[in-house]
Amino acid sequence: MAREKDTLSQSDEHNSRGIELADRGWLDEAVKEFKKAIELDEKSAHAHDNLATVYAEKKLYREALAEYLLALKLEPDSATAHYNLACFLSSHGADMAVAEYKEAIELDPEYPDAHLNLGLTYADFGQVDDAKKELNTAIELDPGDAFPRHELAALMMDEGDYRASIAQLKEVTRLEPENFEAQLDLGICYAQKGFYAEAERAYDKARSLNGDDLLLTYNLGALYALWGRSTDALEQLKKAVALDKPKVAGWLATDPMFDSLKGQSEFEALL
């Protein structure tokens, strides 16, 4: 019994020393101490938890996750164990996903879904150039899949590159003629480039798929305002207001596409 207490005491000492080393930034040395603590007491949830924290700092996400889960298995009723796992997932889940996607691509460079999802993750990070590169690779590997094309077009729209977006969206709508969002986005891009008749055709196709959509109705009104067709613009705006008045009023307050209607009594009444 005394020997067991001595072993547990030694484990705690190594654990405490590991914490001190980690606080100083000596991560490799801290790992050694936490492992010694675990060798002496395999059921030390704190040592597993601390080792996981250091692994996360070293960007060894897979190893970190394994240690967090082991700590939780040892102390399933510990609020701290659940909290630490949640913090890890919240802070490093996406980083871990990137690492695993890269690993998948390294093992199989022609894995289109891995490139697609890596691109989407990069987009969430705001790493647009990396995202576009991966999405383009996904398209090259599986040209018949409309989804990466649509995601690439969305990135280009955010950058204001409507001409490049149009090229991708035309292919998306060819592959999926009943893709409402693609028809809507195509209309938006055409309108931004001043191709009003083409935009109207795209919106008409979208309207045949979902005629009561608020964004479609609003953007159709914007198209007609840009086109100088104020009567048609106001008609669409009235329909949009009927669908969601507070939201549309908020959009109209700052939307320059409707500048041509400002001063008209019917438009001002909508505000």
Protein backbone atom coordinates (compact mmCIF):
# COMPACT_ATOMS: atom_id res chain seq x y z
CA MET A 1 0.00 0.00 0.00
CA ALA A 2 2.86 2.36 0.90
CA ARG A 3 4.60 1.46 -2.33
CA GLU A 4 1.46 2.32 -4.32
CA LYS A 5 1.20 5.70 -2.59
CA ASP A 6 4.87 6.32 -3.37
CA THR A 7 4.29 5.50 -7.03
CA LEU A 8 1.29 7.84 -7.24
CA SER A 9 3.30 10.55 -5.52
CA GLN A 10 6.10 10.17 -8.07
CA SER A 11 3.54 10.34 -10.87
CA ASP A 12 2.19 13.60 -9.47
CA GLU A 13 5.72 15.00 -9.26
CA HIS A 14 6.39 14.24 -12.93
CA ASN A 15 3.01 15.73 -13.83
CA SER A 16 3.79 18.93 -11.89
CA ARG A 17 7.22 19.15 -13.51
CA GLY A 18 5.63 18.70 -16.92
CA ILE A 19 3.30 21.61 -16.24
CA GLU A 20 6.22 23.84 -15.27
CA LEU A 21 8.14 22.90 -18.41
CA ALA A 22 5.11 23.47 -20.63
CA ASP A 23 4.57 26.90 -19.07
CA ARG A 24 8.16 27.78 -20.02
CA GLY A 25 7.57 26.62 -23.59
CA TRP A 26 9.77 23.52 -23.30
CA LEU A 27 7.21 21.27 -24.91
CA ASP A 28 9.35 18.24 -25.77
CA GLU A 29 10.65 18.04 -22.20
CA ALA A 30 7.08 18.46 -20.89
CA VAL A 31 5.92 15.54 -23.04
CA LYS A 32 8.60 13.31 -21.49
CA GLU A 33 7.50 14.24 -17.98
CA PHE A 34 3.81 13.62 -18.66
CA LYS A 35 4.63 10.25 -20.21
CA LYS A 36 6.65 9.33 -17.09
CA ALA A 37 3.67 10.34 -14.96
CA ILE A 38 1.42 8.09 -17.05
CA GLU A 39 3.87 5.17 -16.86
CA LEU A 40 3.69 5.40 -13.09
CA ASP A 41 -0.08 5.90 -13.01
CA GLU A 42 -1.94 4.92 -16.18
CA LYS A 43 -5.21 6.10 -14.62
CA SER A 44 -3.98 9.68 -14.14
CA ALA A 45 -6.54 11.58 -16.15
CA HIS A 46 -4.78 14.85 -15.39
CA ALA A 47 -1.54 13.62 -16.94
CA HIS A 48 -3.34 12.46 -20.07
CA ASP A 49 -5.16 15.77 -20.25
CA ASN A 50 -1.94 17.77 -19.85
CA LEU A 51 -0.17 15.64 -22.43
CA ALA A 52 -3.05 16.29 -24.82
CA THR A 53 -2.69 20.06 -24.30
CA VAL A 54 1.01 19.94 -25.18
CA TYR A 55 0.35 17.74 -28.22
CA ALA A 56 -2.17 20.32 -29.41
CA GLU A 57 0.41 23.09 -29.05
CA LYS A 58 2.83 20.98 -31.09
CA LYS A 59 0.10 20.61 -33.76
CA LEU A 60 -0.02 16.85 -33.20
CA TYR A 61 -3.80 16.92 -33.37
CA ARG A 62 -4.46 13.21 -33.76
CA GLU A 63 -2.32 12.39 -30.72
CA ALA A 64 -3.94 15.22 -28.76
CA LEU A 65 -7.45 13.99 -29.52
CA ALA A 66 -6.53 10.46 -28.44
CA GLU A 67 -5.25 11.74 -25.08
CA TYR A 68 -8.28 13.97 -24.48
CA LEU A 69 -10.59 11.03 -25.17
CA LEU A 70 -8.58 8.78 -22.87
CA ALA A 71 -8.75 11.37 -20.06
CA LEU A 72 -12.50 11.54 -20.54
CA LYS A 73 -12.76 7.75 -20.51
CA LEU A 74 -10.90 7.68 -17.20
CA GLU A 75 -13.10 10.40 -15.69
CA PRO A 76 -16.41 10.42 -17.60
CA ASP A 77 -18.12 12.49 -14.89
CA SER A 78 -15.46 15.21 -14.94
CA ALA A 79 -16.82 18.53 -16.16
CA THR A 80 -13.23 19.67 -16.73
CA ALA A 81 -12.51 16.71 -19.01
CA HIS A 82 -15.57 17.48 -21.14
CA TYR A 83 -14.67 21.17 -21.15
CA ASN A 84 -11.07 20.56 -22.26
CA LEU A 85 -12.18 18.27 -25.08
CA ALA A 86 -14.71 20.88 -26.22
CA CYS A 87 -12.05 23.60 -26.17
CA PHE A 88 -9.74 21.45 -28.27
CA LEU A 89 -12.43 20.70 -30.84
CA SER A 90 -13.50 24.33 -30.98
CA SER A 91 -9.96 25.66 -31.37
CA HIS A 92 -8.31 22.97 -33.46
CA GLY A 93 -11.07 20.98 -35.15
CA ALA A 94 -10.65 22.79 -38.47
CA ASP A 95 -6.85 22.65 -38.23
CA MET A 96 -7.06 18.94 -37.65
CA ALA A 97 -9.39 18.60 -40.65
CA VAL A 98 -6.87 20.38 -42.87
CA ALA A 99 -4.10 18.08 -41.66
CA GLU A 100 -6.21 14.98 -42.33
CA TYR A 101 -7.32 16.18 -45.77
CA LYS A 102 -3.68 16.80 -46.65
CA GLU A 103 -2.79 13.34 -45.40
CA ALA A 104 -5.55 11.84 -47.56
CA ILE A 105 -4.29 13.76 -50.60
CA GLU A 106 -0.72 12.68 -49.95
CA LEU A 107 -1.88 9.07 -49.91
CA ASP A 108 -4.17 9.56 -52.93
CA PRO A 109 -3.44 12.75 -54.94
CA GLU A 110 -6.40 12.05 -57.24
CA TYR A 111 -9.02 12.07 -54.48
CA PRO A 112 -11.47 14.78 -55.67
CA ASP A 113 -13.58 14.93 -52.50
CA ALA A 114 -10.47 15.48 -50.37
CA HIS A 115 -9.43 18.42 -52.55
CA LEU A 116 -13.01 19.74 -52.50
CA ASN A 117 -13.36 19.65 -48.73
CA LEU A 118 -9.87 21.02 -48.18
CA GLY A 119 -10.83 23.90 -50.45
CA LEU A 120 -14.03 24.53 -48.50
CA THR A 121 -12.10 24.53 -45.23
CA TYR A 122 -9.57 26.99 -46.63
CA ALA A 123 -12.47 29.19 -47.73
CA ASP A 124 -13.84 29.16 -44.17
CA PHE A 125 -10.39 30.31 -43.01
CA GLY A 126 -10.41 33.15 -45.56
CA GLN A 127 -7.47 31.60 -47.44
CA VAL A 128 -9.04 32.30 -50.82
CA ASP A 129 -6.08 31.51 -53.08
CA ASP A 130 -5.54 28.13 -51.43
CA ALA A 131 -9.27 27.45 -51.60
CA LYS A 132 -9.45 28.25 -55.31
CA LYS A 133 -6.45 26.03 -56.02
CA GLU A 134 -8.01 23.03 -54.29
CA LEU A 135 -11.43 23.59 -55.86
CA ASN A 136 -9.87 23.82 -59.31
CA THR A 137 -8.08 20.54 -58.65
CA ALA A 138 -11.36 18.93 -57.59
CA ILE A 139 -12.95 20.15 -60.83
CA GLU A 140 -10.10 18.77 -62.94
CA LEU A 141 -10.37 15.38 -61.23
CA ASP A 142 -14.16 15.19 -61.50
CA PRO A 143 -15.42 17.59 -64.19
CA GLY A 144 -18.92 16.16 -64.00
CA ASP A 145 -19.45 17.27 -60.39
CA ALA A 146 -21.25 20.63 -60.32
CA PHE A 147 -20.72 21.31 -56.62
CA PRO A 148 -17.03 22.39 -56.64
CA ARG A 149 -17.73 24.60 -59.66
CA HIS A 150 -20.53 26.35 -57.80
CA GLU A 151 -18.36 26.84 -54.72
CA LEU A 152 -15.55 28.24 -56.87
CA ALA A 153 -18.02 30.59 -58.56
CA ALA A 154 -19.22 31.79 -55.14
CA LEU A 155 -15.65 32.64 -54.13
CA MET A 156 -15.15 34.55 -57.35
CA MET A 157 -18.41 36.43 -56.83
CA ASP A 158 -17.20 37.49 -53.38
CA GLU A 159 -14.06 38.88 -55.05
CA GLY A 160 -16.11 40.70 -57.70
CA ASP A 161 -14.79 38.50 -60.51
CA TYR A 162 -18.19 38.09 -62.15
CA ARG A 163 -16.87 37.18 -65.59
CA ALA A 164 -15.01 34.14 -64.25
CA SER A 165 -18.04 33.25 -62.12
CA ILE A 166 -20.28 33.29 -65.18
CA ALA A 167 -18.05 30.73 -66.92
CA GLN A 168 -18.31 28.36 -63.96
CA LEU A 169 -22.03 28.92 -63.37
CA LYS A 170 -22.89 28.28 -67.02
CA GLU A 171 -21.27 24.89 -66.67
CA VAL A 172 -23.07 24.28 -63.35
CA THR A 173 -26.45 25.03 -64.93
CA ARG A 174 -25.58 22.81 -67.89
CA LEU A 175 -24.82 19.94 -65.53
CA GLU A 176 -27.77 20.72 -63.25
CA PRO A 177 -30.48 22.67 -65.13
CA GLU A 178 -32.78 22.60 -62.10
CA ASN A 179 -30.22 24.04 -59.68
CA PHE A 180 -32.13 27.08 -58.39
CA GLU A 181 -29.18 28.67 -56.56
CA ALA A 182 -26.96 28.39 -59.63
CA GLN A 183 -29.56 30.05 -61.87
CA LEU A 184 -29.99 32.81 -59.29
CA ASP A 185 -26.24 33.38 -58.97
CA LEU A 186 -25.86 33.38 -62.75
CA GLY A 187 -28.50 36.09 -62.99
CA ILE A 188 -26.73 38.16 -60.34
CA CYS A 189 -23.42 37.88 -62.19
CA TYR A 190 -24.96 38.82 -65.54
CA ALA A 191 -26.67 41.83 -63.95
CA GLN A 192 -23.40 43.00 -62.38
CA LYS A 193 -21.69 42.81 -65.76
CA GLY A 194 -24.50 44.74 -67.47
CA PHE A 195 -25.83 41.77 -69.45
CA TYR A 196 -29.43 42.51 -68.52
CA ALA A 197 -31.26 40.32 -71.02
CA GLU A 198 -29.10 37.33 -70.06
CA ALA A 199 -29.74 38.07 -66.39
CA GLU A 200 -33.48 38.15 -66.96
CA ARG A 201 -33.36 34.79 -68.71
CA ALA A 202 -31.43 33.26 -65.81
CA TYR A 203 -33.89 34.73 -63.31
CA ASP A 204 -36.82 33.42 -65.34
CA LYS A 205 -35.35 29.92 -65.14
CA ALA A 206 -34.85 30.33 -61.40
CA ARG A 207 -38.43 31.62 -61.04
CA SER A 208 -39.74 28.49 -62.77
CA LEU A 209 -38.02 26.47 -60.04
CA ASN A 210 -38.93 28.61 -57.02
CA GLY A 211 -41.01 31.65 -57.87
CA ASP A 212 -41.64 32.77 -54.29
CA ASP A 213 -37.99 33.09 -53.23
CA LEU A 214 -37.25 36.41 -51.53
CA LEU A 215 -33.70 36.84 -52.88
CA LEU A 216 -34.84 36.08 -56.41
CA THR A 217 -37.70 38.58 -56.25
CA TYR A 218 -35.46 41.26 -54.75
CA ASN A 219 -32.66 40.72 -57.28
CA LEU A 220 -35.14 40.76 -60.14
CA GLY A 221 -36.26 44.16 -58.89
CA ALA A 222 -32.62 45.27 -58.76
CA LEU A 223 -32.08 44.10 -62.32
CA TYR A 224 -35.02 46.12 -63.60
CA ALA A 225 -33.84 49.19 -61.65
CA LEU A 226 -30.41 48.93 -63.27
CA TRP A 227 -32.05 48.36 -66.64
CA GLY A 228 -34.16 51.50 -66.31
CA ARG A 229 -37.45 49.60 -66.10
CA SER A 230 -38.72 51.34 -62.97
CA THR A 231 -42.31 50.08 -63.21
CA ASP A 232 -41.15 46.46 -63.32
CA ALA A 233 -38.62 47.15 -60.55
CA LEU A 234 -41.29 48.56 -58.25
CA GLU A 235 -43.61 45.65 -58.99
CA GLN A 236 -40.95 43.16 -57.90
CA LEU A 237 -40.04 45.22 -54.85
CA LYS A 238 -43.65 45.27 -53.71
CA LYS A 239 -43.71 41.47 -53.96
CA ALA A 240 -40.47 41.27 -51.98
CA VAL A 241 -41.84 43.59 -49.28
CA ALA A 242 -44.90 41.37 -49.01
CA LEU A 243 -42.61 38.40 -48.37
CA ASP A 244 -40.44 40.07 -45.69
CA LYS A 245 -40.88 43.80 -45.19
CA PRO A 246 -38.26 44.45 -42.43
CA LYS A 247 -35.52 42.58 -44.26
CA VAL A 248 -36.21 44.22 -47.62
CA ALA A 249 -36.41 47.68 -46.07
CA GLY A 250 -33.00 47.10 -44.51
CA TRP A 251 -31.52 46.03 -47.84
CA LEU A 252 -33.02 48.96 -49.72
CA ALA A 253 -31.63 51.51 -47.27
CA THR A 254 -28.05 50.88 -48.45
CA ASP A 255 -28.39 49.22 -51.86
CA PRO A 256 -26.95 51.39 -54.68
CA MET A 257 -28.63 49.27 -57.37
CA PHE A 258 -31.85 51.12 -56.65
CA ASP A 259 -30.41 54.65 -56.90
CA SER A 260 -32.41 55.28 -60.07
CA LEU A 261 -35.65 54.89 -58.08
CA LYS A 262 -34.74 57.26 -55.28
CA GLY A 263 -37.07 60.22 -55.10
CA GLN A 264 -40.00 58.35 -56.60
CA SER A 265 -42.92 58.37 -54.18
CA GLU A 266 -43.70 54.66 -54.59
CA PHE A 267 -40.09 53.74 -53.82
CA GLU A 268 -39.84 56.07 -50.84
CA ALA A 269 -43.03 54.57 -49.46
CA LEU A 270 -41.35 51.16 -49.43
CA LEU A 271 -38.62 52.56 -47.19
